[in-house]
Every structure is written in structure tokens, then in C-alpha cells.
Amino acid sequence: VVTLPEVILGFDFYVPGSSLCLTYSLSEPSDKSVCMLYSWKNKKSQIIASGYQIDSPRFSPDGSKILFFYRPSVSEKPDLVIFTIPTQKKTTVCSVDKITIYPWNANPTYAIWSPNSQQLLVENKQESDSIVQLYSLFPVKLLKDIIQTDFIYTYRFSPSGEWIKVEYPQEEQTKITLYHWKSGKTIEMMGEWLGWS
């Protein structure tokens, strides 16, 4: 049992048997969010970032990096930040217009790792709509604005990491766009998504 001084809002493990645990929490009474990396082996914690708002921290599939949205103060827009554990380096991928927190979604995910930890999908929320963007990380670069629409249901990489699926409403139906980011091929369909083969 580990007792932390902050109120824990969410947590994530790299793998179930991993010695590292990631938490993000609300520090009282200052109401400052803290993103913390905790090691079960040496019982030590490390604060990765602290500020007005920290959201959706996630380990990369290879366990070497952590992504999170970081808003240092209420007057600034959130940045998507990558923290590399071996080098302790932070890299800003992009800024987003806003992060919308719904009361039923206590641990939202707006950025998604590719299976090989080399790319990211980001939902960049604007005032009236959202853009699903694809970024490469080595080097950090915007590869493609995939979809821009007023609302996004879901967005995911295929298990191979070559295809991206985006679901969104259109004319009272669900539209699905599949994008092959290596070739640029796009497939569009209407209906219910049943999953990858």
C-alpha cells in the first residue's frame, strides 16, 4: 500500500508487472495538478510536471516515454508534452486550443500512441470543431490533418499501426474514415464499426 500526499485523479501502468506507476493528482490546498512517476522497486516518486492543469498521462507502448497535456497557468493554452524517461527530457509536440473535461469522463484520452511509439494521434479541439491530427515524433512534425468536423466519436491506430480509423457523426449517421498514413490512401464508409481483423 502506498500513501501519496495528493488526491489521485487517475493512474496508468506500463505493463501489469511493471515497477513504474504513473499518477496525476490534485495537490491541496493549492489546487495545482501534479504528474508523478512512482517506482515500486525503490519506493521513490518523481514529479514530472506541475501546473494549473495536467491531463491524460499515458505510457508509450515501449514504456520509454510518457505523454500528457500540460497547462502551466489558467491563461495559457495546453501543450502536448512527451517526457522521455531514460533522458529525463521534455519535448512539446503541439499546442491545442482547449481541453474539454466532461463530468462522466474522469480520465480522458485525447492523444493516442501508435503501436511502435513513433507517431501520435491528437484531437485538437477548436472553438466550434475538432481536428484529428497525426504527428511523427522523430523528428516532431505534423504529418496530416486527417479529419476536421464538429464532433469526433473515436480515433485509433490499427494493430499494425499503418491505418488510422476516425468515427464521427454525419447526417444522423456514423461516418468512418480509414487513412493509410504511409501511402495517403483514404477509405470512407457509413455504418457501424465492428473492429479490426
C-alpha atoms as a PDB file:
ATOM      1  CA  VAL A   1       0.000   0.000   0.000  1.00  0.00           C
ATOM      2  CA  VAL A   2       1.327   3.408  -1.000  1.00  0.00           C
ATOM      3  CA  THR A   3       0.052   6.628   0.554  1.00  0.00           C
ATOM      4  CA  LEU A   4       0.561   9.758  -1.524  1.00  0.00           C
ATOM      5  CA  PRO A   5       0.044  13.292  -0.223  1.00  0.00           C
ATOM      6  CA  GLU A   6      -2.206  14.330  -3.112  1.00  0.00           C
ATOM      7  CA  VAL A   7      -5.714  13.396  -4.200  1.00  0.00           C
ATOM      8  CA  ILE A   8      -5.251  10.862  -7.018  1.00  0.00           C
ATOM      9  CA  LEU A   9      -7.315  11.656 -10.121  1.00  0.00           C
ATOM     10  CA  GLY A  10      -6.021   8.808 -12.283  1.00  0.00           C
ATOM     11  CA  PHE A  11      -3.173   6.412 -12.849  1.00  0.00           C
ATOM     12  CA  ASP A  12      -1.583   4.228 -15.514  1.00  0.00           C
ATOM     13  CA  PHE A  13       0.824   1.269 -15.589  1.00  0.00           C
ATOM     14  CA  TYR A  14       3.269   0.482 -18.368  1.00  0.00           C
ATOM     15  CA  VAL A  15       2.521  -3.254 -18.013  1.00  0.00           C
ATOM     16  CA  PRO A  16       0.758  -5.103 -15.167  1.00  0.00           C
ATOM     17  CA  GLY A  17       4.065  -6.387 -13.767  1.00  0.00           C
ATOM     18  CA  SER A  18       5.928  -3.120 -14.181  1.00  0.00           C
ATOM     19  CA  SER A  19       7.733  -1.444 -11.308  1.00  0.00           C
ATOM     20  CA  LEU A  20       6.642   2.005 -12.506  1.00  0.00           C
ATOM     21  CA  CYS A  21       3.287   3.617 -11.897  1.00  0.00           C
ATOM     22  CA  LEU A  22       2.157   6.970 -13.216  1.00  0.00           C
ATOM     23  CA  THR A  23      -0.350   9.149 -11.387  1.00  0.00           C
ATOM     24  CA  TYR A  24      -1.738  12.591 -11.900  1.00  0.00           C
ATOM     25  CA  SER A  25      -3.320  14.286  -8.985  1.00  0.00           C
ATOM     26  CA  LEU A  26      -4.647  17.440  -7.436  1.00  0.00           C
ATOM     27  CA  SER A  27      -2.442  18.984  -4.791  1.00  0.00           C
ATOM     28  CA  GLU A  28      -4.371  20.578  -1.945  1.00  0.00           C
ATOM     29  CA  PRO A  29      -4.929  23.287  -0.883  1.00  0.00           C
ATOM     30  CA  SER A  30      -3.194  24.998  -3.822  1.00  0.00           C
ATOM     31  CA  ASP A  31      -5.383  23.274  -6.473  1.00  0.00           C
ATOM     32  CA  LYS A  32      -2.314  22.563  -8.581  1.00  0.00           C
ATOM     33  CA  SER A  33      -2.178  19.411 -10.715  1.00  0.00           C
ATOM     34  CA  VAL A  34       0.854  17.167 -10.332  1.00  0.00           C
ATOM     35  CA  CYS A  35       2.051  14.376 -12.644  1.00  0.00           C
ATOM     36  CA  MET A  36       4.115  11.867 -10.692  1.00  0.00           C
ATOM     37  CA  LEU A  37       6.147   8.787 -11.622  1.00  0.00           C
ATOM     38  CA  TYR A  38       6.371   6.226  -8.819  1.00  0.00           C
ATOM     39  CA  SER A  39       8.739   3.242  -8.617  1.00  0.00           C
ATOM     40  CA  TRP A  40       7.591   0.177  -6.710  1.00  0.00           C
ATOM     41  CA  LYS A  41      11.187  -1.125  -6.515  1.00  0.00           C
ATOM     42  CA  ASN A  42      12.861   1.724  -4.652  1.00  0.00           C
ATOM     43  CA  LYS A  43       9.662   3.278  -3.211  1.00  0.00           C
ATOM     44  CA  LYS A  44      10.552   6.686  -4.678  1.00  0.00           C
ATOM     45  CA  SER A  45       8.423   9.181  -6.570  1.00  0.00           C
ATOM     46  CA  GLN A  46       9.398  11.793  -9.128  1.00  0.00           C
ATOM     47  CA  ILE A  47       7.312  14.807 -10.099  1.00  0.00           C
ATOM     48  CA  ILE A  48       7.367  15.109 -13.896  1.00  0.00           C
ATOM     49  CA  ALA A  49       5.305  18.285 -14.146  1.00  0.00           C
ATOM     50  CA  SER A  50       3.079  20.518 -12.063  1.00  0.00           C
ATOM     51  CA  GLY A  51       0.801  23.354 -13.073  1.00  0.00           C
ATOM     52  CA  TYR A  52      -2.765  24.546 -13.425  1.00  0.00           C
ATOM     53  CA  GLN A  53      -3.901  21.521 -15.484  1.00  0.00           C
ATOM     54  CA  ILE A  54      -2.318  18.178 -16.363  1.00  0.00           C
ATOM     55  CA  ASP A  55      -4.380  15.661 -18.286  1.00  0.00           C
ATOM     56  CA  SER A  56      -4.305  12.188 -19.831  1.00  0.00           C
ATOM     57  CA  PRO A  57      -0.782  10.977 -18.988  1.00  0.00           C
ATOM     58  CA  ARG A  58      -0.048   7.732 -20.849  1.00  0.00           C
ATOM     59  CA  PHE A  59       2.969   5.451 -21.191  1.00  0.00           C
ATOM     60  CA  SER A  60       4.171   4.733 -24.714  1.00  0.00           C
ATOM     61  CA  PRO A  61       3.784   1.084 -25.784  1.00  0.00           C
ATOM     62  CA  ASP A  62       7.544   0.550 -25.398  1.00  0.00           C
ATOM     63  CA  GLY A  63       7.469   2.062 -21.889  1.00  0.00           C
ATOM     64  CA  SER A  64      10.214   4.619 -22.524  1.00  0.00           C
ATOM     65  CA  LYS A  65       8.072   7.763 -22.820  1.00  0.00           C
ATOM     66  CA  ILE A  66       5.060   9.443 -21.266  1.00  0.00           C
ATOM     67  CA  LEU A  67       2.710  11.869 -22.970  1.00  0.00           C
ATOM     68  CA  PHE A  68       0.453  14.334 -21.192  1.00  0.00           C
ATOM     69  CA  PHE A  69      -1.343  17.624 -21.750  1.00  0.00           C
ATOM     70  CA  TYR A  70       0.180  20.436 -19.730  1.00  0.00           C
ATOM     71  CA  ARG A  71      -1.290  23.838 -18.961  1.00  0.00           C
ATOM     72  CA  PRO A  72       1.048  25.796 -16.676  1.00  0.00           C
ATOM     73  CA  SER A  73      -1.466  28.549 -15.872  1.00  0.00           C
ATOM     74  CA  VAL A  74      -5.145  29.299 -16.452  1.00  0.00           C
ATOM     75  CA  SER A  75      -4.294  31.972 -19.034  1.00  0.00           C
ATOM     76  CA  GLU A  76      -2.253  29.664 -21.304  1.00  0.00           C
ATOM     77  CA  LYS A  77      -3.328  27.066 -23.865  1.00  0.00           C
ATOM     78  CA  PRO A  78      -2.476  23.405 -23.155  1.00  0.00           C
ATOM     79  CA  ASP A  79       0.631  21.841 -24.703  1.00  0.00           C
ATOM     80  CA  LEU A  80       1.011  18.163 -25.565  1.00  0.00           C
ATOM     81  CA  VAL A  81       4.299  17.141 -23.946  1.00  0.00           C
ATOM     82  CA  ILE A  82       6.427  13.993 -24.310  1.00  0.00           C
ATOM     83  CA  PHE A  83       8.622  13.043 -21.339  1.00  0.00           C
ATOM     84  CA  THR A  84      11.426  10.563 -22.165  1.00  0.00           C
ATOM     85  CA  ILE A  85      12.207   8.505 -19.061  1.00  0.00           C
ATOM     86  CA  PRO A  86      15.846   7.465 -19.814  1.00  0.00           C
ATOM     87  CA  THR A  87      16.968  11.011 -20.725  1.00  0.00           C
ATOM     88  CA  GLN A  88      14.528  12.942 -18.475  1.00  0.00           C
ATOM     89  CA  LYS A  89      13.864  15.237 -21.464  1.00  0.00           C
ATOM     90  CA  LYS A  90      10.553  17.012 -22.153  1.00  0.00           C
ATOM     91  CA  THR A  91       9.521  17.796 -25.729  1.00  0.00           C
ATOM     92  CA  THR A  92       6.491  19.865 -26.727  1.00  0.00           C
ATOM     93  CA  VAL A  93       4.662  18.260 -29.653  1.00  0.00           C
ATOM     94  CA  CYS A  94       1.991  20.914 -30.204  1.00  0.00           C
ATOM     95  CA  SER A  95      -0.432  23.280 -28.519  1.00  0.00           C
ATOM     96  CA  VAL A  96      -4.170  22.618 -28.540  1.00  0.00           C
ATOM     97  CA  ASP A  97      -6.955  25.141 -28.394  1.00  0.00           C
ATOM     98  CA  LYS A  98      -8.640  23.641 -25.352  1.00  0.00           C
ATOM     99  CA  ILE A  99      -9.213  20.524 -23.290  1.00  0.00           C
ATOM    100  CA  THR A 100     -12.849  19.777 -22.556  1.00  0.00           C
ATOM    101  CA  ILE A 101     -13.449  17.727 -19.431  1.00  0.00           C
ATOM    102  CA  TYR A 102     -16.829  16.040 -19.112  1.00  0.00           C
ATOM    103  CA  PRO A 103     -18.086  15.060 -15.649  1.00  0.00           C
ATOM    104  CA  TRP A 104     -18.560  11.429 -16.728  1.00  0.00           C
ATOM    105  CA  ASN A 105     -15.035  11.196 -18.177  1.00  0.00           C
ATOM    106  CA  ALA A 106     -12.629  11.483 -15.255  1.00  0.00           C
ATOM    107  CA  ASN A 107      -9.612  10.170 -17.177  1.00  0.00           C
ATOM    108  CA  PRO A 108      -9.933  11.339 -20.794  1.00  0.00           C
ATOM    109  CA  THR A 109      -7.504  10.476 -23.563  1.00  0.00           C
ATOM    110  CA  TYR A 110      -7.083  12.973 -26.361  1.00  0.00           C
ATOM    111  CA  ALA A 111      -3.723  11.717 -27.657  1.00  0.00           C
ATOM    112  CA  ILE A 112      -3.042   8.123 -28.677  1.00  0.00           C
ATOM    113  CA  TRP A 113       0.271   6.322 -29.229  1.00  0.00           C
ATOM    114  CA  SER A 114       0.937   4.283 -32.350  1.00  0.00           C
ATOM    115  CA  PRO A 115       1.839   0.631 -31.631  1.00  0.00           C
ATOM    116  CA  ASN A 116       5.535   1.312 -32.353  1.00  0.00           C
ATOM    117  CA  SER A 117       5.661   4.502 -30.203  1.00  0.00           C
ATOM    118  CA  GLN A 118       6.777   6.546 -33.237  1.00  0.00           C
ATOM    119  CA  GLN A 119       3.581   8.502 -34.015  1.00  0.00           C
ATOM    120  CA  LEU A 120       0.722  10.178 -32.156  1.00  0.00           C
ATOM    121  CA  LEU A 121      -2.916  10.854 -32.929  1.00  0.00           C
ATOM    122  CA  VAL A 122      -4.175  14.076 -31.354  1.00  0.00           C
ATOM    123  CA  GLU A 123      -7.647  15.549 -31.138  1.00  0.00           C
ATOM    124  CA  ASN A 124      -7.024  19.282 -31.383  1.00  0.00           C
ATOM    125  CA  LYS A 125     -10.220  20.848 -30.075  1.00  0.00           C
ATOM    126  CA  GLN A 126     -11.180  24.222 -31.526  1.00  0.00           C
ATOM    127  CA  GLU A 127     -13.987  26.591 -30.533  1.00  0.00           C
ATOM    128  CA  SER A 128     -16.548  25.095 -32.916  1.00  0.00           C
ATOM    129  CA  ASP A 129     -14.998  21.831 -34.109  1.00  0.00           C
ATOM    130  CA  SER A 130     -12.147  19.347 -33.691  1.00  0.00           C
ATOM    131  CA  ILE A 131      -9.240  18.234 -35.867  1.00  0.00           C
ATOM    132  CA  VAL A 132      -7.711  14.757 -35.684  1.00  0.00           C
ATOM    133  CA  GLN A 133      -4.008  15.246 -36.376  1.00  0.00           C
ATOM    134  CA  LEU A 134      -1.195  12.759 -36.989  1.00  0.00           C
ATOM    135  CA  TYR A 135       2.280  13.617 -35.663  1.00  0.00           C
ATOM    136  CA  SER A 136       5.621  11.890 -36.092  1.00  0.00           C
ATOM    137  CA  LEU A 137       7.989  12.110 -33.135  1.00  0.00           C
ATOM    138  CA  PHE A 138      11.436  11.591 -34.668  1.00  0.00           C
ATOM    139  CA  PRO A 139      11.621  14.433 -35.518  1.00  0.00           C
ATOM    140  CA  VAL A 140       8.470  16.069 -34.124  1.00  0.00           C
ATOM    141  CA  LYS A 141       6.395  17.005 -37.166  1.00  0.00           C
ATOM    142  CA  LEU A 142       2.727  17.346 -38.163  1.00  0.00           C
ATOM    143  CA  LEU A 143       2.157  14.727 -40.862  1.00  0.00           C
ATOM    144  CA  LYS A 144      -1.545  15.150 -41.609  1.00  0.00           C
ATOM    145  CA  ASP A 145      -4.769  16.858 -40.553  1.00  0.00           C
ATOM    146  CA  ILE A 146      -6.958  13.787 -41.075  1.00  0.00           C
ATOM    147  CA  ILE A 147     -10.483  14.979 -40.245  1.00  0.00           C
ATOM    148  CA  GLN A 148     -11.976  18.308 -39.213  1.00  0.00           C
ATOM    149  CA  THR A 149     -15.569  18.167 -38.000  1.00  0.00           C
ATOM    150  CA  ASP A 150     -17.760  19.488 -35.208  1.00  0.00           C
ATOM    151  CA  PHE A 151     -17.593  16.288 -33.135  1.00  0.00           C
ATOM    152  CA  ILE A 152     -15.366  13.189 -33.029  1.00  0.00           C
ATOM    153  CA  TYR A 153     -16.542   9.847 -31.633  1.00  0.00           C
ATOM    154  CA  THR A 154     -13.310   7.833 -31.637  1.00  0.00           C
ATOM    155  CA  TYR A 155      -9.920   7.639 -33.334  1.00  0.00           C
ATOM    156  CA  ARG A 156      -7.444   4.750 -33.240  1.00  0.00           C
ATOM    157  CA  PHE A 157      -4.465   3.144 -34.936  1.00  0.00           C
ATOM    158  CA  SER A 158      -4.866  -0.316 -36.436  1.00  0.00           C
ATOM    159  CA  PRO A 159      -2.860  -3.093 -34.700  1.00  0.00           C
ATOM    160  CA  SER A 160      -0.230  -2.802 -37.466  1.00  0.00           C
ATOM    161  CA  GLY A 161      -0.033   0.968 -36.953  1.00  0.00           C
ATOM    162  CA  GLU A 162      -0.395   1.655 -40.688  1.00  0.00           C
ATOM    163  CA  TRP A 163      -4.090   2.550 -40.727  1.00  0.00           C
ATOM    164  CA  ILE A 164      -5.960   5.170 -38.713  1.00  0.00           C
ATOM    165  CA  LYS A 165      -9.693   4.960 -38.068  1.00  0.00           C
ATOM    166  CA  VAL A 166     -11.800   8.039 -37.236  1.00  0.00           C
ATOM    167  CA  GLU A 167     -15.524   7.867 -36.406  1.00  0.00           C
ATOM    168  CA  TYR A 168     -17.731  10.961 -36.421  1.00  0.00           C
ATOM    169  CA  PRO A 169     -21.393  11.881 -36.998  1.00  0.00           C
ATOM    170  CA  GLN A 170     -22.675  12.963 -40.393  1.00  0.00           C
ATOM    171  CA  GLU A 171     -26.328  13.495 -41.344  1.00  0.00           C
ATOM    172  CA  GLU A 172     -27.636  11.439 -38.398  1.00  0.00           C
ATOM    173  CA  GLN A 173     -25.349   8.534 -39.285  1.00  0.00           C
ATOM    174  CA  THR A 174     -21.874   7.436 -38.255  1.00  0.00           C
ATOM    175  CA  LYS A 175     -19.178   8.096 -40.837  1.00  0.00           C
ATOM    176  CA  ILE A 176     -15.915   6.143 -40.739  1.00  0.00           C
ATOM    177  CA  THR A 177     -12.722   7.353 -42.382  1.00  0.00           C
ATOM    178  CA  LEU A 178      -9.775   4.974 -42.736  1.00  0.00           C
ATOM    179  CA  TYR A 179      -6.471   6.645 -43.554  1.00  0.00           C
ATOM    180  CA  HIS A 180      -3.293   4.771 -44.556  1.00  0.00           C
ATOM    181  CA  TRP A 181      -0.669   7.230 -43.406  1.00  0.00           C
ATOM    182  CA  LYS A 182       2.235   5.720 -45.384  1.00  0.00           C
ATOM    183  CA  SER A 183       0.530   5.755 -48.790  1.00  0.00           C
ATOM    184  CA  GLY A 184      -2.027   8.512 -48.155  1.00  0.00           C
ATOM    185  CA  LYS A 185      -4.906   6.238 -49.239  1.00  0.00           C
ATOM    186  CA  THR A 186      -8.303   7.122 -47.732  1.00  0.00           C
ATOM    187  CA  ILE A 187     -11.384   4.883 -47.462  1.00  0.00           C
ATOM    188  CA  GLU A 188     -14.717   6.352 -46.359  1.00  0.00           C
ATOM    189  CA  MET A 189     -17.844   4.444 -45.317  1.00  0.00           C
ATOM    190  CA  MET A 190     -21.042   4.842 -43.337  1.00  0.00           C
ATOM    191  CA  GLY A 191     -22.259   2.437 -40.684  1.00  0.00           C
ATOM    192  CA  GLU A 192     -21.177   0.693 -37.505  1.00  0.00           C
ATOM    193  CA  TRP A 193     -17.540  -0.081 -36.780  1.00  0.00           C
ATOM    194  CA  LEU A 194     -17.111  -3.712 -35.705  1.00  0.00           C
ATOM    195  CA  GLY A 195     -13.341  -3.741 -35.210  1.00  0.00           C
ATOM    196  CA  TRP A 196     -10.064  -4.603 -36.883  1.00  0.00           C
ATOM    197  CA  SER A 197      -9.468  -8.050 -38.347  1.00  0.00           C
END
